[in-house]
Amino acid sequence: MTGSQTSWRRPRCSVGAELQRVQRAPSRGRIVGGTRARADAAPGTMSGSESEPFLSQADDTNDRPVPGTSALPSSMGNPKSEGPEVPDREELQRITGLSASHSALIVAVLCYINLLNYMDRFTVAGVLPDIEQFFSIGDSSSGLIQTVFISSYMVLAPVFGYLGDRYNRKYLMCGGIAFWSLVTLGSSFIPKERFWLLLLTRGLVGVGEASYSTIAPTLIADLFVADQRSQMLSVFYFAIPVGSGLGYIAGSKVKDVAGDWHWALRVTPGLGVVAVLLLFLVVREPPRGAVERHSDSPPLNPTSWSADLRALARNPSFILSSLGFTAVAFVTGSLALWAPAFLLRSRVVLGETPPCLPGDSCSSSDSLIFGLITCLTGVLGVGLGVEISRRLRHSNPRADPLVCAAGLLGSAPFLFLSVACARGSIVATYIFIFIGETLLSMNWAIVADILLYVVIPTRRSTAEAFQIVLSHLLGDAGSPYLIGLISDRLRRNWPPSFLSEFRALQFSLMLCAFVGALGGAAFLGTAIVIEGDRQRAQLHVQGLLHEAGPEDDRIVVPRRGRSTRVPVSSVLI
């Protein structure tokens, strides 16, 4: 066979038809970019070779499939495709070098750290009225506490996304969590005259969280596939609402027991030390993308950062689902910080709770109740979303984005009613919050699964990072401050009173319902384009599709033992 290329234009066809055609091609070797991709490639071409830097190697695992393993699946979870079958437990163990029990233990450790991550984030919200009293700040400054943290987290996420696609992810997470724990502990000793220092330390906490949130889901993606991956992601994302709820609970109860809100910030650093030890002792680095490749397909090597960004920008499923998730972040960020304070003001207006006066400790059960609701609705919502999506996939390959859209569109009216009814009945408010947060939580695990099967393994940390940037830049980085700013501006035009404080925050929180509806529309757009993007990622992972450079927008697809260069537009329709 010669290495020559025949340039020709073929009739347009679907990605599914192209996938079936290339799977019938001879398996003696695949031509990619004019070069035969062999299973016995020269040493040093794998990312786990000994010639590479220490931090880029997997932990005692090979970065290619073990010879003799069967064809590997895509992560699509689409039963209608005629792709390879999902490997069983023995095959997964041969591929990853990790037993099923060890892989499950790794997920448990990652889940614990994710829970701790969100617990620390919302401990501040659980004692926010006390922080306002201690530093003598208004609503806009209170919102700035969360905004500074999210902004730092957002800016640093691409840095760790780049590193996570190229170096050992376990060590990156260990360093980040250790730094985060130290800074959180230091923030509990700030005097009342140094509010700016509290803002600085909350910003530095974002360093540790960015090192973890961008990387952990990609480890799960390299351990499991298909329905197994969806189930493990659902376990991982249970920790978000549960950890958030525990943050409210721990913050309020530790403050009550110690008589000082500063002690609420000293709980998670000790648990962070345990997290670092578990990461170092239990977690092992699996080979990137090996569970999704054919045994005779070429290994996946990282491309340049600019190439990664171009590919992600041309991936409409990634862009639209990230915009939908941005709406989720906007709503959850606003409610997470302001819901306990809003409920407290509601009780004051209803005459059920005395007002929080300067110099007094703000005593209220709303942080505890809202924390319990957040935990329960998170478990119900994440589990319900994953289960509904799993069942619908058998009849509708667009099930994932459709379930996300239904969750957001369904939550919007209930969240609006929860705010609107707060002056009349606190019980009705809690009921509507419960329903709205349950529907909102249906998105967490599904959005992560969508990203993992429309983006190839060597770009997933970068994709996670830029989804974080987008969702926080337009979502919860600014929403707490925006809600507080609107509240302060409204209060300027009204006579000072407890009713004015309540009404101002009530009107500003109504914005969340409208943003949620916009996010639902973005997920409906994702449902239109997701099948093509998912199948393109599968072709790439299996070595059946080669991305051309920016100067040549064409790909190479093998056909009956010959390499054929085809324009991208003729295949990806």
Protein backbone atom coordinates (compact mmCIF):
# COMPACT_ATOMS: atom_id res chain seq x y z
CA MET A 1 0.00 0.00 0.00
CA THR A 2 1.21 3.46 -0.76
CA GLY A 3 0.82 6.40 1.51
CA SER A 4 -0.71 8.53 -1.25
CA GLN A 5 -3.96 10.38 -0.64
CA THR A 6 -6.81 10.60 -3.08
CA SER A 7 -8.68 13.89 -2.75
CA TRP A 8 -12.33 13.62 -3.76
CA ARG A 9 -15.73 14.89 -2.69
CA ARG A 10 -18.32 12.33 -1.67
CA PRO A 11 -22.09 12.77 -1.39
CA ARG A 12 -23.27 14.07 1.95
CA CYS A 13 -24.26 11.46 4.47
CA SER A 14 -25.01 11.19 8.14
CA VAL A 15 -22.38 10.56 10.78
CA GLY A 16 -24.22 7.39 11.76
CA ALA A 17 -23.95 6.01 8.22
CA GLU A 18 -20.27 6.94 8.09
CA LEU A 19 -19.72 5.22 11.44
CA GLN A 20 -21.31 2.00 10.17
CA ARG A 21 -19.26 2.15 6.96
CA VAL A 22 -15.89 2.64 8.64
CA GLN A 23 -16.62 -0.12 11.14
CA ARG A 24 -16.87 -2.55 8.20
CA ALA A 25 -13.41 -1.54 7.01
CA PRO A 26 -10.58 -4.10 7.34
CA SER A 27 -8.97 -4.12 10.78
CA ARG A 28 -5.44 -4.91 9.62
CA GLY A 29 -4.51 -1.27 10.29
CA ARG A 30 -6.14 2.10 10.02
CA ILE A 31 -4.89 4.94 7.90
CA VAL A 32 -4.92 8.25 9.68
CA GLY A 33 -3.47 11.23 7.90
CA GLY A 34 -1.69 8.96 5.39
CA THR A 35 0.12 6.87 8.04
CA ARG A 36 -0.84 3.39 9.13
CA ALA A 37 -1.79 3.41 12.82
CA ARG A 38 -0.37 0.22 14.30
CA ALA A 39 -0.97 -1.28 17.72
CA ASP A 40 2.76 -1.85 18.08
CA ALA A 41 3.73 1.77 17.56
CA ALA A 42 7.24 2.81 18.37
CA PRO A 43 8.12 3.30 22.02
CA GLY A 44 7.71 6.81 23.25
CA THR A 45 4.55 7.54 21.30
CA MET A 46 2.35 6.68 24.25
CA SER A 47 1.67 9.23 26.93
CA GLY A 48 2.79 6.76 29.53
CA SER A 49 6.23 6.17 28.09
CA GLU A 50 9.26 6.35 30.33
CA SER A 51 10.71 9.23 28.36
CA GLU A 52 7.98 11.61 29.47
CA PRO A 53 8.04 13.74 32.63
CA PHE A 54 7.11 11.98 35.83
CA LEU A 55 3.98 14.02 36.45
CA SER A 56 2.52 13.09 33.06
CA GLN A 57 2.61 9.33 33.63
CA ALA A 58 -0.26 7.16 34.80
CA ASP A 59 0.12 5.37 38.13
CA ASP A 60 1.39 1.88 37.27
CA THR A 61 -0.96 1.56 34.33
CA ASN A 62 -0.32 1.40 30.60
CA ASP A 63 -1.67 4.17 28.41
CA ARG A 64 -2.94 1.79 25.78
CA PRO A 65 -5.29 -1.20 25.77
CA VAL A 66 -3.91 -4.55 26.76
CA PRO A 67 -3.49 -6.80 23.68
CA GLY A 68 -6.34 -9.19 23.32
CA THR A 69 -9.03 -7.01 24.79
CA SER A 70 -12.20 -6.61 22.84
CA ALA A 71 -13.29 -3.48 21.07
CA LEU A 72 -14.02 -0.65 23.38
CA PRO A 73 -17.12 1.44 23.61
CA SER A 74 -17.89 5.04 23.20
CA SER A 75 -19.19 6.93 26.17
CA MET A 76 -22.33 7.84 24.34
CA GLY A 77 -24.74 5.56 26.05
CA ASN A 78 -26.74 5.53 22.79
CA PRO A 79 -28.27 2.10 22.30
CA LYS A 80 -29.25 2.83 18.72
CA SER A 81 -25.69 3.14 17.48
CA GLU A 82 -23.92 0.11 16.17
CA GLY A 83 -20.71 0.90 17.98
CA PRO A 84 -18.58 -1.53 19.97
CA GLU A 85 -19.99 -3.30 22.97
CA VAL A 86 -19.37 -2.14 26.50
CA PRO A 87 -16.48 -4.07 28.10
CA ASP A 88 -17.22 -6.19 31.13
CA ARG A 89 -15.50 -5.84 34.49
CA GLU A 90 -12.57 -8.09 33.58
CA GLU A 91 -11.89 -6.11 30.43
CA LEU A 92 -12.07 -2.82 32.30
CA GLN A 93 -9.61 -4.16 34.87
CA ARG A 94 -7.16 -5.19 32.13
CA ILE A 95 -7.48 -1.81 30.46
CA THR A 96 -7.19 0.44 33.52
CA GLY A 97 -5.03 -1.81 35.70
CA LEU A 98 -7.54 -1.28 38.53
CA SER A 99 -10.05 -3.71 39.99
CA ALA A 100 -13.74 -2.89 40.08
CA SER A 101 -13.64 -2.43 43.84
CA HIS A 102 -10.62 -0.13 43.66
CA SER A 103 -12.29 1.96 40.94
CA ALA A 104 -15.40 2.27 43.09
CA LEU A 105 -13.23 3.27 46.06
CA ILE A 106 -11.61 6.01 43.97
CA VAL A 107 -15.06 7.37 43.12
CA ALA A 108 -15.97 7.31 46.83
CA VAL A 109 -12.86 9.36 47.68
CA LEU A 110 -13.61 11.85 44.90
CA CYS A 111 -17.21 12.09 46.10
CA TYR A 112 -16.04 12.83 49.66
CA ILE A 113 -13.78 15.62 48.43
CA ASN A 114 -16.53 17.06 46.24
CA LEU A 115 -18.85 17.05 49.25
CA LEU A 116 -16.19 18.83 51.30
CA ASN A 117 -15.64 21.28 48.46
CA TYR A 118 -19.26 22.47 48.45
CA MET A 119 -19.59 22.24 52.21
CA ASP A 120 -16.80 24.80 52.57
CA ARG A 121 -18.27 27.01 49.85
CA PHE A 122 -21.63 27.38 51.59
CA THR A 123 -20.51 27.50 55.20
CA VAL A 124 -20.15 31.24 54.66
CA ALA A 125 -23.78 31.47 53.47
CA GLY A 126 -24.91 29.66 56.62
CA VAL A 127 -23.46 32.42 58.84
CA LEU A 128 -23.91 35.35 56.43
CA PRO A 129 -26.09 37.49 58.77
CA ASP A 130 -23.39 37.21 61.44
CA ILE A 131 -20.68 38.16 58.95
CA GLU A 132 -22.70 41.22 57.93
CA GLN A 133 -23.01 42.25 61.56
CA PHE A 134 -19.34 41.58 62.38
CA PHE A 135 -17.92 43.57 59.44
CA SER A 136 -20.82 46.11 59.29
CA ILE A 137 -21.45 45.59 55.56
CA GLY A 138 -24.52 45.80 53.31
CA ASP A 139 -26.11 43.40 50.84
CA SER A 140 -23.85 44.33 47.91
CA SER A 141 -20.68 43.72 49.97
CA SER A 142 -22.10 40.42 51.23
CA GLY A 143 -22.72 39.30 47.66
CA LEU A 144 -19.16 40.30 46.81
CA ILE A 145 -17.82 37.59 49.16
CA GLN A 146 -19.18 34.86 46.89
CA THR A 147 -18.43 36.79 43.71
CA VAL A 148 -14.72 37.14 44.56
CA PHE A 149 -14.42 33.44 45.31
CA ILE A 150 -16.20 32.37 42.11
CA SER A 151 -14.21 34.84 40.00
CA SER A 152 -10.90 33.44 41.25
CA TYR A 153 -12.14 29.90 40.76
CA MET A 154 -13.28 30.78 37.24
CA VAL A 155 -10.03 32.44 36.17
CA LEU A 156 -7.84 29.60 37.46
CA ALA A 157 -9.95 26.77 36.05
CA PRO A 158 -8.42 26.95 32.52
CA VAL A 159 -4.93 26.75 34.02
CA PHE A 160 -5.73 23.52 35.83
CA GLY A 161 -7.69 22.28 32.82
CA TYR A 162 -4.54 22.62 30.70
CA LEU A 163 -2.42 20.91 33.35
CA GLY A 164 -5.01 18.19 33.95
CA ASP A 165 -4.95 17.12 30.30
CA ARG A 166 -1.17 16.75 30.34
CA TYR A 167 0.10 15.86 33.82
CA ASN A 168 -0.67 13.55 36.71
CA ARG A 169 -4.09 14.59 37.98
CA LYS A 170 -3.75 13.08 41.45
CA TYR A 171 -0.78 15.25 42.42
CA LEU A 172 -2.42 18.38 41.04
CA MET A 173 -5.47 17.76 43.22
CA CYS A 174 -3.37 17.02 46.31
CA GLY A 175 -1.51 20.32 46.06
CA GLY A 176 -4.65 22.34 45.38
CA ILE A 177 -6.67 20.90 48.27
CA ALA A 178 -3.80 21.37 50.74
CA PHE A 179 -3.50 25.03 49.74
CA TRP A 180 -7.27 25.55 49.94
CA SER A 181 -7.46 24.07 53.44
CA LEU A 182 -4.66 26.31 54.72
CA VAL A 183 -6.22 29.49 53.31
CA THR A 184 -9.69 28.64 54.67
CA LEU A 185 -8.24 28.19 58.15
CA GLY A 186 -6.45 31.53 57.90
CA SER A 187 -9.67 33.34 56.90
CA SER A 188 -11.21 32.53 60.29
CA PHE A 189 -8.73 34.81 62.13
CA ILE A 190 -9.41 38.08 60.27
CA PRO A 191 -10.27 41.10 62.47
CA LYS A 192 -13.40 43.19 61.83
CA GLU A 193 -11.41 46.12 60.43
CA ARG A 194 -10.01 43.99 57.58
CA PHE A 195 -13.01 43.00 55.46
CA TRP A 196 -10.85 43.30 52.35
CA LEU A 197 -8.65 40.54 53.75
CA LEU A 198 -11.66 38.23 53.99
CA LEU A 199 -12.33 38.92 50.31
CA LEU A 200 -8.70 38.13 49.48
CA THR A 201 -8.69 34.80 51.32
CA ARG A 202 -12.00 33.76 49.74
CA GLY A 203 -10.43 34.50 46.38
CA LEU A 204 -7.44 32.31 47.19
CA VAL A 205 -9.75 29.45 48.17
CA GLY A 206 -10.70 29.36 44.49
CA VAL A 207 -7.18 28.08 43.69
CA GLY A 208 -7.80 24.81 45.49
CA GLU A 209 -11.30 24.30 44.19
CA ALA A 210 -10.26 24.97 40.58
CA SER A 211 -7.58 22.28 40.88
CA TYR A 212 -10.19 19.73 41.85
CA SER A 213 -13.44 20.51 40.01
CA THR A 214 -11.84 20.59 36.56
CA ILE A 215 -10.02 17.29 37.00
CA ALA A 216 -12.07 14.88 39.12
CA PRO A 217 -14.83 14.13 36.54
CA THR A 218 -12.21 13.20 33.94
CA LEU A 219 -10.80 10.54 36.28
CA ILE A 220 -14.25 8.95 36.51
CA ALA A 221 -14.54 9.10 32.72
CA ASP A 222 -11.29 7.12 32.42
CA LEU A 223 -12.52 4.41 34.82
CA PHE A 224 -16.04 3.72 33.54
CA VAL A 225 -18.09 3.86 30.34
CA ALA A 226 -21.73 4.11 29.22
CA ASP A 227 -24.34 3.46 31.95
CA GLN A 228 -21.63 2.69 34.53
CA ARG A 229 -20.17 6.13 33.96
CA SER A 230 -23.58 7.79 34.30
CA GLN A 231 -24.20 5.98 37.59
CA MET A 232 -20.81 6.93 39.01
CA LEU A 233 -21.23 10.54 37.93
CA SER A 234 -24.61 10.62 39.66
CA VAL A 235 -22.90 9.46 42.87
CA PHE A 236 -20.20 12.09 42.41
CA TYR A 237 -22.70 14.90 41.82
CA PHE A 238 -24.88 13.89 44.75
CA ALA A 239 -22.13 15.57 46.75
CA ILE A 240 -22.93 19.02 45.33
CA PRO A 241 -26.38 19.55 46.88
CA VAL A 242 -25.59 17.39 49.91
CA GLY A 243 -22.33 19.24 50.56
CA SER A 244 -24.07 22.59 50.05
CA GLY A 245 -26.75 21.64 52.56
CA LEU A 246 -24.16 20.41 55.05
CA GLY A 247 -22.38 23.76 54.67
CA TYR A 248 -25.48 25.60 55.88
CA ILE A 249 -26.04 23.08 58.66
CA ALA A 250 -22.44 22.96 59.85
CA GLY A 251 -22.08 26.74 59.67
CA SER A 252 -25.20 27.49 61.70
CA LYS A 253 -24.83 24.69 64.27
CA VAL A 254 -21.09 25.15 64.91
CA LYS A 255 -21.74 28.87 65.38
CA ASP A 256 -24.51 28.11 67.88
CA VAL A 257 -22.39 25.61 69.83
CA ALA A 258 -19.21 27.72 69.88
CA GLY A 259 -20.99 31.05 70.21
CA ASP A 260 -18.74 32.48 67.50
CA TRP A 261 -19.23 32.27 63.72
CA HIS A 262 -15.44 32.10 63.16
CA TRP A 263 -15.43 28.47 64.28
CA ALA A 264 -17.68 27.57 61.35
CA LEU A 265 -14.72 28.23 59.03
CA ARG A 266 -12.42 25.94 61.02
CA VAL A 267 -14.27 22.68 60.37
CA THR A 268 -13.48 21.99 56.72
CA PRO A 269 -9.68 22.57 56.88
CA GLY A 270 -9.25 19.55 59.18
CA LEU A 271 -11.39 17.45 56.85
CA GLY A 272 -9.25 18.74 53.98
CA VAL A 273 -6.15 17.13 55.50
CA VAL A 274 -7.98 13.80 55.51
CA ALA A 275 -8.91 14.37 51.86
CA VAL A 276 -5.27 14.89 50.84
CA LEU A 277 -4.22 11.67 52.60
CA LEU A 278 -7.01 9.69 50.91
CA LEU A 279 -6.08 11.09 47.52
CA PHE A 280 -2.44 10.21 47.94
CA LEU A 281 -3.02 6.70 49.30
CA VAL A 282 -6.10 5.50 47.40
CA VAL A 283 -6.39 7.28 44.05
CA ARG A 284 -4.32 6.05 41.10
CA GLU A 285 -4.04 7.76 37.74
CA PRO A 286 -5.78 5.73 34.98
CA PRO A 287 -4.69 6.00 31.32
CA ARG A 288 -6.58 8.71 29.46
CA GLY A 289 -9.27 7.44 27.09
CA ALA A 290 -8.15 3.80 27.07
CA VAL A 291 -11.57 2.44 28.05
CA GLU A 292 -13.07 4.01 24.92
CA ARG A 293 -10.56 2.92 22.27
CA HIS A 294 -10.38 -0.08 20.00
CA SER A 295 -7.54 -2.43 20.85
CA ASP A 296 -5.94 -1.72 17.45
CA SER A 297 -6.68 1.99 17.30
CA PRO A 298 -3.92 4.56 17.76
CA PRO A 299 -3.36 6.14 21.17
CA LEU A 300 -4.73 9.59 21.90
CA ASN A 301 -2.04 12.19 22.39
CA PRO A 302 -2.68 15.75 23.62
CA THR A 303 -2.92 18.44 20.97
CA SER A 304 -1.95 22.07 21.38
CA TRP A 305 -4.04 24.27 23.63
CA SER A 306 -5.09 26.46 20.70
CA ALA A 307 -6.23 23.37 18.79
CA ASP A 308 -8.24 22.27 21.82
CA LEU A 309 -9.96 25.65 22.02
CA ARG A 310 -10.76 25.67 18.30
CA ALA A 311 -12.28 22.21 18.53
CA LEU A 312 -14.40 23.14 21.56
CA ALA A 313 -15.58 26.34 19.88
CA ARG A 314 -16.77 24.26 16.91
CA ASN A 315 -18.66 21.85 19.17
CA PRO A 316 -22.24 23.22 19.39
CA SER A 317 -23.36 20.61 21.93
CA PHE A 318 -20.60 21.70 24.29
CA ILE A 319 -21.36 25.42 23.83
CA LEU A 320 -25.14 25.15 24.19
CA SER A 321 -25.08 22.75 27.14
CA SER A 322 -22.57 25.06 28.85
CA LEU A 323 -24.94 27.99 28.34
CA GLY A 324 -27.75 25.94 29.84
CA PHE A 325 -25.55 25.06 32.79
CA THR A 326 -24.72 28.74 33.15
CA ALA A 327 -28.38 29.39 33.92
CA VAL A 328 -28.27 26.62 36.55
CA ALA A 329 -25.20 28.24 38.11
CA PHE A 330 -26.86 31.68 38.12
CA VAL A 331 -29.95 30.40 39.93
CA THR A 332 -28.17 28.12 42.40
CA GLY A 333 -25.54 30.76 43.18
CA SER A 334 -28.20 33.36 43.96
CA LEU A 335 -30.32 31.04 46.09
CA ALA A 336 -27.33 29.53 47.88
CA LEU A 337 -26.18 32.86 49.25
CA TRP A 338 -29.43 34.75 49.66
CA ALA A 339 -32.14 32.19 50.48
CA PRO A 340 -31.38 31.92 54.26
CA ALA A 341 -31.21 35.72 54.61
CA PHE A 342 -34.41 36.12 52.57
CA LEU A 343 -36.25 33.57 54.70
CA LEU A 344 -35.08 35.32 57.87
CA ARG A 345 -36.39 38.67 56.58
CA SER A 346 -39.67 36.98 55.67
CA ARG A 347 -40.10 35.70 59.23
CA VAL A 348 -39.33 39.18 60.61
CA VAL A 349 -42.04 40.72 58.39
CA LEU A 350 -44.51 37.99 59.41
CA GLY A 351 -43.71 38.63 63.07
CA GLU A 352 -42.42 35.10 63.69
CA THR A 353 -38.81 36.15 64.48
CA PRO A 354 -37.39 39.26 66.14
CA PRO A 355 -35.20 41.44 63.88
CA CYS A 356 -31.44 41.02 63.86
CA LEU A 357 -30.11 44.17 65.55
CA PRO A 358 -26.49 45.42 65.46
CA GLY A 359 -24.34 43.74 68.09
CA ASP A 360 -26.69 40.77 68.48
CA SER A 361 -26.20 37.23 67.19
CA CYS A 362 -28.70 36.51 64.40
CA SER A 363 -30.64 33.52 65.71
CA SER A 364 -32.73 31.69 63.11
CA SER A 365 -33.47 28.12 62.07
CA ASP A 366 -33.74 29.00 58.40
CA SER A 367 -30.13 28.14 57.54
CA LEU A 368 -30.62 24.70 59.08
CA ILE A 369 -33.98 24.11 57.36
CA PHE A 370 -32.75 25.36 54.00
CA GLY A 371 -29.65 23.17 54.34
CA LEU A 372 -31.79 20.09 54.96
CA ILE A 373 -33.99 20.95 51.98
CA THR A 374 -30.92 21.42 49.78
CA CYS A 375 -29.55 18.00 50.81
CA LEU A 376 -32.83 16.19 50.23
CA THR A 377 -33.76 17.90 46.98
CA GLY A 378 -30.24 17.33 45.66
CA VAL A 379 -30.39 13.59 46.27
CA LEU A 380 -33.89 13.35 44.79
CA GLY A 381 -33.15 15.62 41.84
CA VAL A 382 -29.83 14.09 40.78
CA GLY A 383 -31.14 10.53 41.15
CA LEU A 384 -34.40 11.35 39.37
CA GLY A 385 -32.65 13.07 36.48
CA VAL A 386 -30.17 10.25 35.90
CA GLU A 387 -32.83 7.54 36.12
CA ILE A 388 -35.28 9.30 33.78
CA SER A 389 -32.49 9.96 31.29
CA ARG A 390 -31.28 6.36 31.45
CA ARG A 391 -34.74 5.01 30.70
CA LEU A 392 -35.47 7.44 27.89
CA ARG A 393 -32.16 6.79 26.10
CA HIS A 394 -33.50 3.47 24.86
CA SER A 395 -36.13 5.26 22.79
CA ASN A 396 -34.71 8.76 22.34
CA PRO A 397 -30.97 9.50 21.86
CA ARG A 398 -31.65 13.15 22.74
CA ALA A 399 -32.91 12.23 26.21
CA ASP A 400 -30.08 13.90 28.17
CA PRO A 401 -30.54 17.51 27.00
CA LEU A 402 -34.33 17.11 26.96
CA VAL A 403 -34.36 16.05 30.62
CA CYS A 404 -32.13 19.04 31.47
CA ALA A 405 -34.48 21.38 29.61
CA ALA A 406 -37.52 19.94 31.38
CA GLY A 407 -35.84 20.37 34.75
CA LEU A 408 -34.98 24.02 34.20
CA LEU A 409 -38.26 25.01 32.56
CA GLY A 410 -40.20 23.18 35.27
CA SER A 411 -38.27 24.77 38.13
CA ALA A 412 -38.76 28.38 36.95
CA PRO A 413 -42.44 28.83 37.95
CA PHE A 414 -41.94 27.14 41.33
CA LEU A 415 -38.96 29.33 42.18
CA PHE A 416 -40.97 32.40 41.20
CA LEU A 417 -43.86 31.30 43.43
CA SER A 418 -41.51 30.60 46.33
CA VAL A 419 -40.34 34.21 46.28
CA ALA A 420 -43.75 35.72 45.57
CA CYS A 421 -45.52 33.83 48.40
CA ALA A 422 -42.92 34.54 51.09
CA ARG A 423 -44.86 37.43 52.62
CA GLY A 424 -48.04 35.39 52.91
CA SER A 425 -46.87 31.95 54.10
CA ILE A 426 -43.42 30.70 55.00
CA VAL A 427 -44.70 27.11 54.71
CA ALA A 428 -45.80 27.65 51.11
CA THR A 429 -42.42 29.22 50.38
CA TYR A 430 -40.58 26.13 51.64
CA ILE A 431 -42.86 23.83 49.60
CA PHE A 432 -42.22 25.73 46.38
CA ILE A 433 -38.47 25.88 47.11
CA PHE A 434 -38.47 22.11 47.62
CA ILE A 435 -40.13 21.42 44.26
CA GLY A 436 -38.08 24.03 42.39
CA GLU A 437 -34.72 22.85 43.75
CA THR A 438 -35.59 19.21 43.03
CA LEU A 439 -36.25 20.01 39.36
CA LEU A 440 -33.16 22.23 39.20
CA SER A 441 -30.92 19.47 40.60
CA MET A 442 -31.86 17.10 37.77
CA ASN A 443 -29.20 18.77 35.63
CA TRP A 444 -25.98 18.25 37.60
CA ALA A 445 -24.88 14.74 36.62
CA ILE A 446 -26.45 14.82 33.15
CA VAL A 447 -24.60 17.96 32.07
CA ALA A 448 -21.31 16.37 33.13
CA ASP A 449 -22.14 13.21 31.17
CA ILE A 450 -22.96 15.24 28.06
CA LEU A 451 -19.57 16.95 28.20
CA LEU A 452 -17.74 13.65 28.60
CA TYR A 453 -19.29 12.01 25.54
CA VAL A 454 -19.16 14.95 23.12
CA VAL A 455 -15.52 15.82 23.96
CA ILE A 456 -12.58 13.48 23.36
CA PRO A 457 -10.55 12.32 26.43
CA THR A 458 -7.47 14.48 25.80
CA ARG A 459 -9.58 17.65 25.92
CA ARG A 460 -11.93 16.88 28.77
CA SER A 461 -10.12 18.75 31.54
CA THR A 462 -9.86 21.77 29.27
CA ALA A 463 -13.55 21.45 28.41
CA GLU A 464 -14.45 21.15 32.09
CA ALA A 465 -12.37 24.24 32.79
CA PHE A 466 -13.99 26.37 30.11
CA GLN A 467 -17.46 25.21 31.05
CA ILE A 468 -16.61 26.40 34.55
CA VAL A 469 -15.38 29.73 33.17
CA LEU A 470 -18.50 30.29 31.08
CA SER A 471 -20.99 29.13 33.70
CA HIS A 472 -19.38 31.18 36.46
CA LEU A 473 -18.57 34.24 34.36
CA LEU A 474 -22.19 34.65 33.32
CA GLY A 475 -23.65 32.69 36.23
CA ASP A 476 -22.83 32.54 39.92
CA ALA A 477 -19.73 34.76 39.79
CA GLY A 478 -21.93 37.80 39.37
CA SER A 479 -25.40 36.68 40.39
CA PRO A 480 -24.96 37.00 44.21
CA TYR A 481 -23.49 40.48 43.81
CA LEU A 482 -26.10 41.42 41.19
CA ILE A 483 -28.97 40.34 43.45
CA GLY A 484 -27.49 42.28 46.37
CA LEU A 485 -26.86 45.34 44.18
CA ILE A 486 -30.44 45.37 42.88
CA SER A 487 -31.70 45.01 46.45
CA ASP A 488 -29.62 47.96 47.67
CA ARG A 489 -30.72 50.16 44.74
CA LEU A 490 -34.39 49.41 45.39
CA ARG A 491 -34.04 50.22 49.09
CA ARG A 492 -32.67 53.66 48.28
CA ASN A 493 -36.05 54.72 46.93
CA TRP A 494 -38.06 53.39 49.88
CA PRO A 495 -38.21 54.53 53.50
CA PRO A 496 -35.95 52.43 55.75
CA SER A 497 -37.83 49.57 57.39
CA PHE A 498 -37.69 45.80 57.76
CA LEU A 499 -40.46 45.54 55.16
CA SER A 500 -38.38 47.52 52.67
CA GLU A 501 -35.40 45.19 53.22
CA PHE A 502 -37.62 42.19 52.59
CA ARG A 503 -39.35 43.59 49.49
CA ALA A 504 -36.09 44.72 47.91
CA LEU A 505 -34.54 41.28 48.21
CA GLN A 506 -37.81 39.64 47.13
CA PHE A 507 -38.02 41.59 43.86
CA SER A 508 -34.36 41.05 43.04
CA LEU A 509 -34.60 37.26 43.56
CA MET A 510 -37.46 37.02 41.03
CA LEU A 511 -34.81 37.42 38.34
CA CYS A 512 -33.76 33.78 38.93
CA ALA A 513 -36.97 32.38 37.44
CA PHE A 514 -36.47 34.21 34.14
CA VAL A 515 -32.83 33.15 33.84
CA GLY A 516 -33.87 29.53 34.45
CA ALA A 517 -36.29 29.69 31.51
CA LEU A 518 -33.50 30.94 29.23
CA GLY A 519 -31.32 28.01 30.32
CA GLY A 520 -34.08 25.57 29.40
CA ALA A 521 -34.13 27.03 25.88
CA ALA A 522 -30.37 26.46 25.57
CA PHE A 523 -30.79 22.77 26.44
CA LEU A 524 -33.53 22.45 23.82
CA GLY A 525 -30.99 23.74 21.32
CA THR A 526 -28.49 21.14 22.56
CA ALA A 527 -31.02 18.39 21.82
CA ILE A 528 -31.06 19.39 18.15
CA VAL A 529 -27.32 18.96 17.55
CA ILE A 530 -26.16 16.42 20.13
CA GLU A 531 -26.33 13.25 18.02
CA GLY A 532 -23.82 14.45 15.43
CA ASP A 533 -21.34 15.74 18.01
CA ARG A 534 -21.56 12.55 20.05
CA GLN A 535 -20.88 10.30 17.06
CA ARG A 536 -18.03 12.49 15.84
CA ALA A 537 -16.32 12.16 19.23
CA GLN A 538 -16.76 8.38 19.06
CA LEU A 539 -15.15 8.21 15.63
CA HIS A 540 -12.19 10.25 16.85
CA VAL A 541 -11.62 8.14 19.98
CA GLN A 542 -11.67 4.91 17.97
CA GLY A 543 -9.10 6.24 15.51
CA LEU A 544 -11.57 6.45 12.63
CA LEU A 545 -11.50 10.21 12.28
CA HIS A 546 -8.53 12.54 12.04
CA GLU A 547 -8.90 16.26 12.66
CA ALA A 548 -7.26 18.42 10.08
CA GLY A 549 -5.35 21.54 10.97
CA PRO A 550 -6.84 25.01 10.59
CA GLU A 551 -5.32 25.40 7.14
CA ASP A 552 -6.99 22.24 5.82
CA ASP A 553 -10.53 21.73 7.02
CA ARG A 554 -10.70 18.11 5.97
CA ILE A 555 -10.54 14.73 7.66
CA VAL A 556 -9.28 11.31 6.64
CA VAL A 557 -11.58 8.30 6.73
CA PRO A 558 -10.39 4.77 5.78
CA ARG A 559 -12.34 3.08 3.01
CA ARG A 560 -11.71 -0.50 1.90
CA GLY A 561 -8.08 -0.46 2.91
CA ARG A 562 -7.31 2.94 1.39
CA SER A 563 -7.05 6.32 3.06
CA THR A 564 -9.48 8.83 1.62
CA ARG A 565 -9.39 12.54 2.33
CA VAL A 566 -12.91 13.89 2.64
CA PRO A 567 -14.16 17.42 3.38
CA VAL A 568 -15.54 17.73 6.90
CA SER A 569 -18.85 19.10 5.64
CA SER A 570 -19.54 15.96 3.61
CA VAL A 571 -19.38 13.70 6.67
CA LEU A 572 -20.52 15.69 9.68
CA ILE A 573 -24.05 16.52 8.56
